[in-house]
Amino acid sequence: MADKLMVVMVSSDPANPSALGSPFTQAMVAAAMEYEVEVIMTGRAGELARSGVAEKLIVPESNHRTVYDFMQEAHRAGVVFKVCEPTREMWGDDLIPEIQETVGGAYLISEAMDDATVTFTY
């Protein structure tokens, strides 16, 4: 049985904040259930790792909470946030403090192929 959840956010678009609350909520719930959880942001979703971006995005269905509120709540629950190196190179080094590590494609592939990891993509 898997004991780790890897949430890969690649096609989640910051232009659509309505779709951004669910990945962080699911990650937070899994962490509360005592699974090891990491969220890796890459591609277009990598922009959420930039300081000042997620703080400005309101999730309409959430009583005016920002995407960053969801991210902080997940982080407090134990979710580890990572960003892919090419994404960091594209969006810059001014990252939110919750980003704990920069990883490459090989890391992503090796974790996704591990039988102990379940991977969700958004």
PDB file of N, CA and C in Angstrom:
ATOM      1  N   MET A   1       0.827  -1.175   0.000  1.00  0.00           N
ATOM      2  CA  MET A   1       0.000   0.000   0.000  1.00  0.00           C
ATOM      3  C   MET A   1       0.878   1.247   0.000  1.00  0.00           C
ATOM      4  N   ALA A   2       0.469   2.228  -0.759  1.00  0.00           N
ATOM      5  CA  ALA A   2       1.220   3.474  -0.841  1.00  0.00           C
ATOM      6  C   ALA A   2       1.126   4.246   0.466  1.00  0.00           C
ATOM      7  N   ASP A   3       2.206   4.941   0.808  1.00  0.00           N
ATOM      8  CA  ASP A   3       2.196   5.777   2.002  1.00  0.00           C
ATOM      9  C   ASP A   3       2.563   7.228   1.686  1.00  0.00           C
ATOM     10  N   LYS A   4       2.655   7.528   0.377  1.00  0.00           N
ATOM     11  CA  LYS A   4       3.015   8.883  -0.037  1.00  0.00           C
ATOM     12  C   LYS A   4       2.087   9.336  -1.157  1.00  0.00           C
ATOM     13  N   LEU A   5       1.690  10.603  -1.080  1.00  0.00           N
ATOM     14  CA  LEU A   5       0.917  11.231  -2.149  1.00  0.00           C
ATOM     15  C   LEU A   5       1.769  12.341  -2.748  1.00  0.00           C
ATOM     16  N   MET A   6       1.963  12.272  -4.048  1.00  0.00           N
ATOM     17  CA  MET A   6       2.660  13.329  -4.778  1.00  0.00           C
ATOM     18  C   MET A   6       1.635  14.016  -5.665  1.00  0.00           C
ATOM     19  N   VAL A   7       1.414  15.294  -5.413  1.00  0.00           N
ATOM     20  CA  VAL A   7       0.500  16.096  -6.217  1.00  0.00           C
ATOM     21  C   VAL A   7       1.354  16.904  -7.177  1.00  0.00           C
ATOM     22  N   VAL A   8       1.176  16.657  -8.461  1.00  0.00           N
ATOM     23  CA  VAL A   8       1.936  17.380  -9.486  1.00  0.00           C
ATOM     24  C   VAL A   8       0.995  18.390 -10.126  1.00  0.00           C
ATOM     25  N   MET A   9       1.319  19.640  -9.946  1.00  0.00           N
ATOM     26  CA  MET A   9       0.516  20.709 -10.541  1.00  0.00           C
ATOM     27  C   MET A   9       1.274  21.214 -11.762  1.00  0.00           C
ATOM     28  N   VAL A  10       0.766  20.867 -12.938  1.00  0.00           N
ATOM     29  CA  VAL A  10       1.434  21.231 -14.176  1.00  0.00           C
ATOM     30  C   VAL A  10       0.528  22.041 -15.093  1.00  0.00           C
ATOM     31  N   SER A  11      -0.720  21.675 -15.185  1.00  0.00           N
ATOM     32  CA  SER A  11      -1.609  22.386 -16.101  1.00  0.00           C
ATOM     33  C   SER A  11      -2.608  23.273 -15.373  1.00  0.00           C
ATOM     34  N   SER A  12      -2.506  23.343 -14.051  1.00  0.00           N
ATOM     35  CA  SER A  12      -3.357  24.252 -13.281  1.00  0.00           C
ATOM     36  C   SER A  12      -2.953  25.679 -13.620  1.00  0.00           C
ATOM     37  N   ASP A  13      -3.908  26.437 -14.102  1.00  0.00           N
ATOM     38  CA  ASP A  13      -3.622  27.782 -14.596  1.00  0.00           C
ATOM     39  C   ASP A  13      -4.014  28.828 -13.560  1.00  0.00           C
ATOM     40  N   PRO A  14      -3.081  29.674 -13.145  1.00  0.00           N
ATOM     41  CA  PRO A  14      -3.414  30.739 -12.204  1.00  0.00           C
ATOM     42  C   PRO A  14      -4.535  31.656 -12.699  1.00  0.00           C
ATOM     43  N   ALA A  15      -4.798  31.661 -13.992  1.00  0.00           N
ATOM     44  CA  ALA A  15      -5.891  32.474 -14.531  1.00  0.00           C
ATOM     45  C   ALA A  15      -7.259  31.893 -14.175  1.00  0.00           C
ATOM     46  N   ASN A  16      -7.292  30.671 -13.623  1.00  0.00           N
ATOM     47  CA  ASN A  16      -8.543  30.016 -13.245  1.00  0.00           C
ATOM     48  C   ASN A  16      -8.502  29.634 -11.763  1.00  0.00           C
ATOM     49  N   PRO A  17      -8.599  30.608 -10.852  1.00  0.00           N
ATOM     50  CA  PRO A  17      -8.485  30.318  -9.420  1.00  0.00           C
ATOM     51  C   PRO A  17      -9.527  29.344  -8.895  1.00  0.00           C
ATOM     52  N   SER A  18     -10.674  29.221  -9.556  1.00  0.00           N
ATOM     53  CA  SER A  18     -11.703  28.284  -9.099  1.00  0.00           C
ATOM     54  C   SER A  18     -11.196  26.853  -9.061  1.00  0.00           C
ATOM     55  N   ALA A  19     -10.230  26.519  -9.893  1.00  0.00           N
ATOM     56  CA  ALA A  19      -9.710  25.153  -9.967  1.00  0.00           C
ATOM     57  C   ALA A  19      -8.506  24.923  -9.060  1.00  0.00           C
ATOM     58  N   LEU A  20      -8.102  25.924  -8.308  1.00  0.00           N
ATOM     59  CA  LEU A  20      -6.852  25.813  -7.555  1.00  0.00           C
ATOM     60  C   LEU A  20      -7.013  25.413  -6.092  1.00  0.00           C
ATOM     61  N   GLY A  21      -8.189  25.488  -5.547  1.00  0.00           N
ATOM     62  CA  GLY A  21      -8.368  25.115  -4.150  1.00  0.00           C
ATOM     63  C   GLY A  21      -8.309  23.619  -3.911  1.00  0.00           C
ATOM     64  N   SER A  22      -8.874  22.841  -4.823  1.00  0.00           N
ATOM     65  CA  SER A  22      -8.967  21.382  -4.635  1.00  0.00           C
ATOM     66  C   SER A  22      -7.627  20.673  -4.462  1.00  0.00           C
ATOM     67  N   PRO A  23      -6.627  20.935  -5.290  1.00  0.00           N
ATOM     68  CA  PRO A  23      -5.364  20.201  -5.106  1.00  0.00           C
ATOM     69  C   PRO A  23      -4.757  20.425  -3.726  1.00  0.00           C
ATOM     70  N   PHE A  24      -4.819  21.667  -3.234  1.00  0.00           N
ATOM     71  CA  PHE A  24      -4.233  21.963  -1.930  1.00  0.00           C
ATOM     72  C   PHE A  24      -5.075  21.384  -0.798  1.00  0.00           C
ATOM     73  N   THR A  25      -6.388  21.383  -0.964  1.00  0.00           N
ATOM     74  CA  THR A  25      -7.269  20.786   0.041  1.00  0.00           C
ATOM     75  C   THR A  25      -7.043  19.288   0.120  1.00  0.00           C
ATOM     76  N   GLN A  26      -6.952  18.612  -1.024  1.00  0.00           N
ATOM     77  CA  GLN A  26      -6.713  17.173  -1.023  1.00  0.00           C
ATOM     78  C   GLN A  26      -5.351  16.838  -0.416  1.00  0.00           C
ATOM     79  N   ALA A  27      -4.356  17.649  -0.706  1.00  0.00           N
ATOM     80  CA  ALA A  27      -3.035  17.436  -0.117  1.00  0.00           C
ATOM     81  C   ALA A  27      -3.099  17.592   1.402  1.00  0.00           C
ATOM     82  N   MET A  28      -3.810  18.616   1.864  1.00  0.00           N
ATOM     83  CA  MET A  28      -3.944  18.862   3.295  1.00  0.00           C
ATOM     84  C   MET A  28      -4.662  17.698   3.992  1.00  0.00           C
ATOM     85  N   VAL A  29      -5.731  17.196   3.377  1.00  0.00           N
ATOM     86  CA  VAL A  29      -6.471  16.080   3.967  1.00  0.00           C
ATOM     87  C   VAL A  29      -5.578  14.845   4.055  1.00  0.00           C
ATOM     88  N   ALA A  30      -4.828  14.560   3.006  1.00  0.00           N
ATOM     89  CA  ALA A  30      -3.922  13.404   3.029  1.00  0.00           C
ATOM     90  C   ALA A  30      -2.869  13.552   4.127  1.00  0.00           C
ATOM     91  N   ALA A  31      -2.342  14.760   4.302  1.00  0.00           N
ATOM     92  CA  ALA A  31      -1.364  15.000   5.372  1.00  0.00           C
ATOM     93  C   ALA A  31      -2.010  14.798   6.740  1.00  0.00           C
ATOM     94  N   ALA A  32      -3.252  15.257   6.892  1.00  0.00           N
ATOM     95  CA  ALA A  32      -3.968  15.067   8.153  1.00  0.00           C
ATOM     96  C   ALA A  32      -4.218  13.589   8.434  1.00  0.00           C
ATOM     97  N   MET A  33      -4.280  12.795   7.373  1.00  0.00           N
ATOM     98  CA  MET A  33      -4.453  11.344   7.515  1.00  0.00           C
ATOM     99  C   MET A  33      -3.112  10.651   7.738  1.00  0.00           C
ATOM    100  N   GLU A  34      -2.063  11.449   7.912  1.00  0.00           N
ATOM    101  CA  GLU A  34      -0.707  11.008   8.224  1.00  0.00           C
ATOM    102  C   GLU A  34       0.024  10.345   7.062  1.00  0.00           C
ATOM    103  N   TYR A  35      -0.359  10.707   5.846  1.00  0.00           N
ATOM    104  CA  TYR A  35       0.427  10.304   4.689  1.00  0.00           C
ATOM    105  C   TYR A  35       1.523  11.340   4.467  1.00  0.00           C
ATOM    106  N   GLU A  36       2.606  10.907   3.888  1.00  0.00           N
ATOM    107  CA  GLU A  36       3.637  11.836   3.436  1.00  0.00           C
ATOM    108  C   GLU A  36       3.092  12.488   2.170  1.00  0.00           C
ATOM    109  N   VAL A  37       3.118  13.811   2.105  1.00  0.00           N
ATOM    110  CA  VAL A  37       2.520  14.518   0.975  1.00  0.00           C
ATOM    111  C   VAL A  37       3.464  15.600   0.483  1.00  0.00           C
ATOM    112  N   GLU A  38       3.623  15.641  -0.831  1.00  0.00           N
ATOM    113  CA  GLU A  38       4.354  16.756  -1.423  1.00  0.00           C
ATOM    114  C   GLU A  38       3.598  17.269  -2.636  1.00  0.00           C
ATOM    115  N   VAL A  39       3.653  18.579  -2.808  1.00  0.00           N
ATOM    116  CA  VAL A  39       3.073  19.236  -3.971  1.00  0.00           C
ATOM    117  C   VAL A  39       4.239  19.765  -4.783  1.00  0.00           C
ATOM    118  N   ILE A  40       4.288  19.352  -6.048  1.00  0.00           N
ATOM    119  CA  ILE A  40       5.341  19.820  -6.943  1.00  0.00           C
ATOM    120  C   ILE A  40       4.699  20.682  -8.010  1.00  0.00           C
ATOM    121  N   MET A  41       5.173  21.916  -8.099  1.00  0.00           N
ATOM    122  CA  MET A  41       4.631  22.857  -9.076  1.00  0.00           C
ATOM    123  C   MET A  41       5.603  22.987 -10.238  1.00  0.00           C
ATOM    124  N   THR A  42       5.044  22.827 -11.428  1.00  0.00           N
ATOM    125  CA  THR A  42       5.841  22.906 -12.644  1.00  0.00           C
ATOM    126  C   THR A  42       4.966  23.489 -13.749  1.00  0.00           C
ATOM    127  N   GLY A  43       5.567  23.809 -14.858  1.00  0.00           N
ATOM    128  CA  GLY A  43       4.806  24.369 -15.973  1.00  0.00           C
ATOM    129  C   GLY A  43       4.095  25.647 -15.568  1.00  0.00           C
ATOM    130  N   ARG A  44       2.912  25.844 -16.110  1.00  0.00           N
ATOM    131  CA  ARG A  44       2.131  27.055 -15.837  1.00  0.00           C
ATOM    132  C   ARG A  44       1.818  27.196 -14.352  1.00  0.00           C
ATOM    133  N   ALA A  45       1.570  26.088 -13.669  1.00  0.00           N
ATOM    134  CA  ALA A  45       1.262  26.129 -12.243  1.00  0.00           C
ATOM    135  C   ALA A  45       2.444  26.609 -11.409  1.00  0.00           C
ATOM    136  N   GLY A  46       3.642  26.542 -11.962  1.00  0.00           N
ATOM    137  CA  GLY A  46       4.823  26.999 -11.246  1.00  0.00           C
ATOM    138  C   GLY A  46       4.771  28.466 -10.867  1.00  0.00           C
ATOM    139  N   GLU A  47       3.964  29.223 -11.589  1.00  0.00           N
ATOM    140  CA  GLU A  47       3.833  30.645 -11.260  1.00  0.00           C
ATOM    141  C   GLU A  47       3.257  30.836  -9.859  1.00  0.00           C
ATOM    142  N   LEU A  48       2.511  29.866  -9.358  1.00  0.00           N
ATOM    143  CA  LEU A  48       1.944  29.952  -8.009  1.00  0.00           C
ATOM    144  C   LEU A  48       3.035  29.977  -6.940  1.00  0.00           C
ATOM    145  N   ALA A  49       4.215  29.506  -7.265  1.00  0.00           N
ATOM    146  CA  ALA A  49       5.323  29.506  -6.314  1.00  0.00           C
ATOM    147  C   ALA A  49       5.977  30.877  -6.184  1.00  0.00           C
ATOM    148  N   ARG A  50       5.671  31.770  -7.099  1.00  0.00           N
ATOM    149  CA  ARG A  50       6.247  33.120  -7.054  1.00  0.00           C
ATOM    150  C   ARG A  50       5.584  33.943  -5.957  1.00  0.00           C
ATOM    151  N   SER A  51       6.385  34.670  -5.221  1.00  0.00           N
ATOM    152  CA  SER A  51       5.839  35.569  -4.199  1.00  0.00           C
ATOM    153  C   SER A  51       4.892  36.561  -4.848  1.00  0.00           C
ATOM    154  N   GLY A  52       3.747  36.751  -4.213  1.00  0.00           N
ATOM    155  CA  GLY A  52       2.786  37.743  -4.665  1.00  0.00           C
ATOM    156  C   GLY A  52       1.746  37.249  -5.641  1.00  0.00           C
ATOM    157  N   VAL A  53       1.891  36.070  -6.199  1.00  0.00           N
ATOM    158  CA  VAL A  53       0.930  35.583  -7.196  1.00  0.00           C
ATOM    159  C   VAL A  53      -0.280  34.947  -6.518  1.00  0.00           C
ATOM    160  N   ALA A  54      -0.065  33.886  -5.747  1.00  0.00           N
ATOM    161  CA  ALA A  54      -1.182  33.168  -5.118  1.00  0.00           C
ATOM    162  C   ALA A  54      -1.929  34.046  -4.114  1.00  0.00           C
ATOM    163  N   GLU A  55      -1.237  35.025  -3.547  1.00  0.00           N
ATOM    164  CA  GLU A  55      -1.865  35.920  -2.570  1.00  0.00           C
ATOM    165  C   GLU A  55      -2.950  36.790  -3.204  1.00  0.00           C
ATOM    166  N   LYS A  56      -2.872  36.988  -4.500  1.00  0.00           N
ATOM    167  CA  LYS A  56      -3.825  37.850  -5.209  1.00  0.00           C
ATOM    168  C   LYS A  56      -4.978  37.087  -5.832  1.00  0.00           C
ATOM    169  N   LEU A  57      -4.934  35.760  -5.792  1.00  0.00           N
ATOM    170  CA  LEU A  57      -5.951  34.943  -6.450  1.00  0.00           C
ATOM    171  C   LEU A  57      -7.004  34.490  -5.457  1.00  0.00           C
ATOM    172  N   ILE A  58      -8.230  34.933  -5.657  1.00  0.00           N
ATOM    173  CA  ILE A  58      -9.345  34.573  -4.785  1.00  0.00           C
ATOM    174  C   ILE A  58     -10.057  33.355  -5.362  1.00  0.00           C
ATOM    175  N   VAL A  59     -10.285  32.366  -4.517  1.00  0.00           N
ATOM    176  CA  VAL A  59     -11.063  31.195  -4.913  1.00  0.00           C
ATOM    177  C   VAL A  59     -12.526  31.536  -4.621  1.00  0.00           C
ATOM    178  N   PRO A  60     -13.324  31.770  -5.672  1.00  0.00           N
ATOM    179  CA  PRO A  60     -14.690  32.277  -5.491  1.00  0.00           C
ATOM    180  C   PRO A  60     -15.570  31.443  -4.559  1.00  0.00           C
ATOM    181  N   GLU A  61     -15.464  30.145  -4.615  1.00  0.00           N
ATOM    182  CA  GLU A  61     -16.325  29.262  -3.818  1.00  0.00           C
ATOM    183  C   GLU A  61     -15.884  29.152  -2.373  1.00  0.00           C
ATOM    184  N   SER A  62     -14.860  29.874  -1.968  1.00  0.00           N
ATOM    185  CA  SER A  62     -14.240  29.628  -0.665  1.00  0.00           C
ATOM    186  C   SER A  62     -14.454  30.746   0.344  1.00  0.00           C
ATOM    187  N   ASN A  63     -15.462  31.538   0.177  1.00  0.00           N
ATOM    188  CA  ASN A  63     -15.696  32.637   1.102  1.00  0.00           C
ATOM    189  C   ASN A  63     -14.535  33.637   1.081  1.00  0.00           C
ATOM    190  N   HIS A  64     -14.058  33.911  -0.116  1.00  0.00           N
ATOM    191  CA  HIS A  64     -13.034  34.932  -0.383  1.00  0.00           C
ATOM    192  C   HIS A  64     -11.646  34.591   0.146  1.00  0.00           C
ATOM    193  N   ARG A  65     -11.353  33.323   0.274  1.00  0.00           N
ATOM    194  CA  ARG A  65      -9.988  32.922   0.646  1.00  0.00           C
ATOM    195  C   ARG A  65      -9.117  32.957  -0.594  1.00  0.00           C
ATOM    196  N   THR A  66      -7.845  33.241  -0.403  1.00  0.00           N
ATOM    197  CA  THR A  66      -6.917  33.257  -1.527  1.00  0.00           C
ATOM    198  C   THR A  66      -6.329  31.862  -1.740  1.00  0.00           C
ATOM    199  N   VAL A  67      -5.756  31.674  -2.909  1.00  0.00           N
ATOM    200  CA  VAL A  67      -5.051  30.423  -3.195  1.00  0.00           C
ATOM    201  C   VAL A  67      -3.918  30.250  -2.183  1.00  0.00           C
ATOM    202  N   TYR A  68      -3.267  31.343  -1.836  1.00  0.00           N
ATOM    203  CA  TYR A  68      -2.176  31.275  -0.867  1.00  0.00           C
ATOM    204  C   TYR A  68      -2.685  30.825   0.507  1.00  0.00           C
ATOM    205  N   ASP A  69      -3.896  31.212   0.882  1.00  0.00           N
ATOM    206  CA  ASP A  69      -4.484  30.725   2.139  1.00  0.00           C
ATOM    207  C   ASP A  69      -4.553  29.194   2.129  1.00  0.00           C
ATOM    208  N   PHE A  70      -4.994  28.630   1.002  1.00  0.00           N
ATOM    209  CA  PHE A  70      -5.062  27.170   0.868  1.00  0.00           C
ATOM    210  C   PHE A  70      -3.661  26.559   0.976  1.00  0.00           C
ATOM    211  N   MET A  71      -2.704  27.187   0.338  1.00  0.00           N
ATOM    212  CA  MET A  71      -1.332  26.675   0.357  1.00  0.00           C
ATOM    213  C   MET A  71      -0.759  26.700   1.778  1.00  0.00           C
ATOM    214  N   GLN A  72      -0.981  27.797   2.476  1.00  0.00           N
ATOM    215  CA  GLN A  72      -0.471  27.904   3.844  1.00  0.00           C
ATOM    216  C   GLN A  72      -1.117  26.877   4.762  1.00  0.00           C
ATOM    217  N   GLU A  73      -2.406  26.669   4.608  1.00  0.00           N
ATOM    218  CA  GLU A  73      -3.110  25.685   5.427  1.00  0.00           C
ATOM    219  C   GLU A  73      -2.553  24.279   5.177  1.00  0.00           C
ATOM    220  N   ALA A  74      -2.313  23.945   3.917  1.00  0.00           N
ATOM    221  CA  ALA A  74      -1.730  22.643   3.583  1.00  0.00           C
ATOM    222  C   ALA A  74      -0.326  22.518   4.170  1.00  0.00           C
ATOM    223  N   HIS A  75       0.447  23.577   4.067  1.00  0.00           N
ATOM    224  CA  HIS A  75       1.817  23.559   4.601  1.00  0.00           C
ATOM    225  C   HIS A  75       1.802  23.344   6.113  1.00  0.00           C
ATOM    226  N   ARG A  76       0.905  24.017   6.805  1.00  0.00           N
ATOM    227  CA  ARG A  76       0.788  23.835   8.260  1.00  0.00           C
ATOM    228  C   ARG A  76       0.394  22.399   8.620  1.00  0.00           C
ATOM    229  N   ALA A  77      -0.337  21.739   7.720  1.00  0.00           N
ATOM    230  CA  ALA A  77      -0.742  20.339   7.951  1.00  0.00           C
ATOM    231  C   ALA A  77       0.393  19.359   7.681  1.00  0.00           C
ATOM    232  N   GLY A  78       1.497  19.852   7.117  1.00  0.00           N
ATOM    233  CA  GLY A  78       2.652  18.992   6.868  1.00  0.00           C
ATOM    234  C   GLY A  78       2.979  18.751   5.416  1.00  0.00           C
ATOM    235  N   VAL A  79       2.264  19.372   4.508  1.00  0.00           N
ATOM    236  CA  VAL A  79       2.542  19.208   3.077  1.00  0.00           C
ATOM    237  C   VAL A  79       3.848  19.916   2.735  1.00  0.00           C
ATOM    238  N   VAL A  80       4.687  19.223   1.982  1.00  0.00           N
ATOM    239  CA  VAL A  80       5.966  19.767   1.526  1.00  0.00           C
ATOM    240  C   VAL A  80       5.767  20.318   0.115  1.00  0.00           C
ATOM    241  N   PHE A  81       6.221  21.532  -0.116  1.00  0.00           N
ATOM    242  CA  PHE A  81       6.094  22.170  -1.421  1.00  0.00           C
ATOM    243  C   PHE A  81       7.449  22.210  -2.116  1.00  0.00           C
ATOM    244  N   LYS A  82       7.417  21.814  -3.401  1.00  0.00           N
ATOM    245  CA  LYS A  82       8.624  21.812  -4.219  1.00  0.00           C
ATOM    246  C   LYS A  82       8.303  22.449  -5.562  1.00  0.00           C
ATOM    247  N   VAL A  83       9.328  22.924  -6.228  1.00  0.00           N
ATOM    248  CA  VAL A  83       9.169  23.498  -7.560  1.00  0.00           C
ATOM    249  C   VAL A  83      10.219  22.865  -8.468  1.00  0.00           C
ATOM    250  N   CYS A  84       9.863  22.653  -9.725  1.00  0.00           N
ATOM    251  CA  CYS A  84      10.802  22.077 -10.686  1.00  0.00           C
ATOM    252  C   CYS A  84      11.810  23.135 -11.129  1.00  0.00           C
ATOM    253  N   GLU A  85      13.032  22.709 -11.333  1.00  0.00           N
ATOM    254  CA  GLU A  85      14.109  23.617 -11.713  1.00  0.00           C
ATOM    255  C   GLU A  85      13.800  24.455 -12.959  1.00  0.00           C
ATOM    256  N   PRO A  86      13.321  23.862 -14.061  1.00  0.00           N
ATOM    257  CA  PRO A  86      13.030  24.695 -15.231  1.00  0.00           C
ATOM    258  C   PRO A  86      11.951  25.744 -14.947  1.00  0.00           C
ATOM    259  N   THR A  87      11.017  25.395 -14.094  1.00  0.00           N
ATOM    260  CA  THR A  87       9.966  26.340 -13.728  1.00  0.00           C
ATOM    261  C   THR A  87      10.545  27.497 -12.924  1.00  0.00           C
ATOM    262  N   ARG A  88      11.413  27.173 -11.985  1.00  0.00           N
ATOM    263  CA  ARG A  88      12.067  28.213 -11.198  1.00  0.00           C
ATOM    264  C   ARG A  88      12.880  29.128 -12.101  1.00  0.00           C
ATOM    265  N   GLU A  89      13.545  28.540 -13.071  1.00  0.00           N
ATOM    266  CA  GLU A  89      14.319  29.349 -14.014  1.00  0.00           C
ATOM    267  C   GLU A  89      13.401  30.264 -14.824  1.00  0.00           C
ATOM    268  N   MET A  90      12.209  29.784 -15.175  1.00  0.00           N
ATOM    269  CA  MET A  90      11.274  30.574 -15.967  1.00  0.00           C
ATOM    270  C   MET A  90      10.655  31.702 -15.150  1.00  0.00           C
ATOM    271  N   TRP A  91      10.223  31.393 -13.911  1.00  0.00           N
ATOM    272  CA  TRP A  91       9.472  32.366 -13.118  1.00  0.00           C
ATOM    273  C   TRP A  91      10.331  33.130 -12.133  1.00  0.00           C
ATOM    274  N   GLY A  92      11.578  32.719 -11.935  1.00  0.00           N
ATOM    275  CA  GLY A  92      12.470  33.479 -11.061  1.00  0.00           C
ATOM    276  C   GLY A  92      12.657  32.877  -9.684  1.00  0.00           C
ATOM    277  N   ASP A  93      13.528  33.531  -8.906  1.00  0.00           N
ATOM    278  CA  ASP A  93      13.917  33.030  -7.589  1.00  0.00           C
ATOM    279  C   ASP A  93      13.131  33.633  -6.431  1.00  0.00           C
ATOM    280  N   ASP A  94      12.245  34.574  -6.696  1.00  0.00           N
ATOM    281  CA  ASP A  94      11.470  35.197  -5.633  1.00  0.00           C
ATOM    282  C   ASP A  94      10.282  34.293  -5.311  1.00  0.00           C
ATOM    283  N   LEU A  95      10.549  33.258  -4.502  1.00  0.00           N
ATOM    284  CA  LEU A  95       9.565  32.215  -4.229  1.00  0.00           C
ATOM    285  C   LEU A  95       8.917  32.399  -2.855  1.00  0.00           C
ATOM    286  N   ILE A  96       7.727  31.855  -2.703  1.00  0.00           N
ATOM    287  CA  ILE A  96       7.059  31.875  -1.404  1.00  0.00           C
ATOM    288  C   ILE A  96       7.900  31.069  -0.408  1.00  0.00           C
ATOM    289  N   PRO A  97       7.832  31.407   0.873  1.00  0.00           N
ATOM    290  CA  PRO A  97       8.670  30.705   1.856  1.00  0.00           C
ATOM    291  C   PRO A  97       8.311  29.235   2.036  1.00  0.00           C
ATOM    292  N   GLU A  98       7.141  28.822   1.608  1.00  0.00           N
ATOM    293  CA  GLU A  98       6.728  27.415   1.756  1.00  0.00           C
ATOM    294  C   GLU A  98       7.467  26.474   0.813  1.00  0.00           C
ATOM    295  N   ILE A  99       8.107  26.993  -0.225  1.00  0.00           N
ATOM    296  CA  ILE A  99       8.868  26.137  -1.149  1.00  0.00           C
ATOM    297  C   ILE A  99      10.102  25.634  -0.415  1.00  0.00           C
ATOM    298  N   GLN A 100      10.202  24.323  -0.266  1.00  0.00           N
ATOM    299  CA  GLN A 100      11.291  23.747   0.505  1.00  0.00           C
ATOM    300  C   GLN A 100      12.431  23.206  -0.354  1.00  0.00           C
ATOM    301  N   GLU A 101      12.149  23.014  -1.649  1.00  0.00           N
ATOM    302  CA  GLU A 101      13.182  22.382  -2.464  1.00  0.00           C
ATOM    303  C   GLU A 101      12.905  22.622  -3.935  1.00  0.00           C
ATOM    304  N   THR A 102      13.969  22.664  -4.701  1.00  0.00           N
ATOM    305  CA  THR A 102      13.871  22.679  -6.155  1.00  0.00           C
ATOM    306  C   THR A 102      14.295  21.295  -6.638  1.00  0.00           C
ATOM    307  N   VAL A 103      13.481  20.686  -7.492  1.00  0.00           N
ATOM    308  CA  VAL A 103      13.765  19.340  -7.983  1.00  0.00           C
ATOM    309  C   VAL A 103      13.789  19.329  -9.506  1.00  0.00           C
ATOM    310  N   GLY A 104      14.360  18.291 -10.060  1.00  0.00           N
ATOM    311  CA  GLY A 104      14.418  18.140 -11.508  1.00  0.00           C
ATOM    312  C   GLY A 104      13.465  17.067 -11.992  1.00  0.00           C
ATOM    313  N   GLY A 105      13.433  16.892 -13.296  1.00  0.00           N
ATOM    314  CA  GLY A 105      12.555  15.909 -13.916  1.00  0.00           C
ATOM    315  C   GLY A 105      12.837  14.491 -13.470  1.00  0.00           C
ATOM    316  N   ALA A 106      14.099  14.155 -13.230  1.00  0.00           N
ATOM    317  CA  ALA A 106      14.445  12.802 -12.795  1.00  0.00           C
ATOM    318  C   ALA A 106      13.820  12.481 -11.443  1.00  0.00           C
ATOM    319  N   TYR A 107      13.774  13.465 -10.558  1.00  0.00           N
ATOM    320  CA  TYR A 107      13.137  13.254  -9.255  1.00  0.00           C
ATOM    321  C   TYR A 107      11.657  12.947  -9.441  1.00  0.00           C
ATOM    322  N   LEU A 108      11.016  13.746 -10.248  1.00  0.00           N
ATOM    323  CA  LEU A 108       9.586  13.583 -10.504  1.00  0.00           C
ATOM    324  C   LEU A 108       9.289  12.185 -11.053  1.00  0.00           C
ATOM    325  N   ILE A 109      10.046  11.758 -12.026  1.00  0.00           N
ATOM    326  CA  ILE A 109       9.851  10.433 -12.638  1.00  0.00           C
ATOM    327  C   ILE A 109      10.108   9.324 -11.627  1.00  0.00           C
ATOM    328  N   SER A 110      11.206   9.413 -10.880  1.00  0.00           N
ATOM    329  CA  SER A 110      11.532   8.334  -9.933  1.00  0.00           C
ATOM    330  C   SER A 110      10.480   8.222  -8.840  1.00  0.00           C
ATOM    331  N   GLU A 111       9.964   9.332  -8.361  1.00  0.00           N
ATOM    332  CA  GLU A 111       8.913   9.279  -7.340  1.00  0.00           C
ATOM    333  C   GLU A 111       7.609   8.722  -7.913  1.00  0.00           C
ATOM    334  N   ALA A 112       7.259   9.145  -9.109  1.00  0.00           N
ATOM    335  CA  ALA A 112       6.016   8.671  -9.727  1.00  0.00           C
ATOM    336  C   ALA A 112       6.066   7.167 -10.002  1.00  0.00           C
ATOM    337  N   MET A 113       7.237   6.636 -10.270  1.00  0.00           N
ATOM    338  CA  MET A 113       7.384   5.219 -10.574  1.00  0.00           C
ATOM    339  C   MET A 113       7.501   4.348  -9.327  1.00  0.00           C
ATOM    340  N   ASP A 114       7.670   4.961  -8.170  1.00  0.00           N
ATOM    341  CA  ASP A 114       7.816   4.232  -6.917  1.00  0.00           C
ATOM    342  C   ASP A 114       6.464   3.652  -6.497  1.00  0.00           C
ATOM    343  N   ASP A 115       6.432   2.360  -6.193  1.00  0.00           N
ATOM    344  CA  ASP A 115       5.184   1.698  -5.793  1.00  0.00           C
ATOM    345  C   ASP A 115       4.597   2.270  -4.504  1.00  0.00           C
ATOM    346  N   ALA A 116       5.403   2.934  -3.694  1.00  0.00           N
ATOM    347  CA  ALA A 116       4.922   3.490  -2.434  1.00  0.00           C
ATOM    348  C   ALA A 116       4.300   4.873  -2.615  1.00  0.00           C
ATOM    349  N   THR A 117       4.276   5.386  -3.847  1.00  0.00           N
ATOM    350  CA  THR A 117       3.764   6.726  -4.119  1.00  0.00           C
ATOM    351  C   THR A 117       2.556   6.675  -5.031  1.00  0.00           C
ATOM    352  N   VAL A 118       1.531   7.417  -4.667  1.00  0.00           N
ATOM    353  CA  VAL A 118       0.380   7.650  -5.541  1.00  0.00           C
ATOM    354  C   VAL A 118       0.539   9.061  -6.064  1.00  0.00           C
ATOM    355  N   THR A 119       0.304   9.246  -7.365  1.00  0.00           N
ATOM    356  CA  THR A 119       0.482  10.550  -7.985  1.00  0.00           C
ATOM    357  C   THR A 119      -0.831  11.080  -8.509  1.00  0.00           C
ATOM    358  N   PHE A 120      -1.177  12.288  -8.088  1.00  0.00           N
ATOM    359  CA  PHE A 120      -2.320  13.026  -8.644  1.00  0.00           C
ATOM    360  C   PHE A 120      -1.747  14.146  -9.477  1.00  0.00           C
ATOM    361  N   THR A 121      -2.356  14.417 -10.620  1.00  0.00           N
ATOM    362  CA  THR A 121      -1.912  15.532 -11.437  1.00  0.00           C
ATOM    363  C   THR A 121      -3.063  16.501 -11.662  1.00  0.00           C
ATOM    364  N   TYR A 122      -2.727  17.761 -11.663  1.00  0.00           N
ATOM    365  CA  TYR A 122      -3.699  18.823 -11.890  1.00  0.00           C
ATOM    366  C   TYR A 122      -3.125  19.796 -12.898  1.00  0.00           C
TER     367      TYR A 122
END
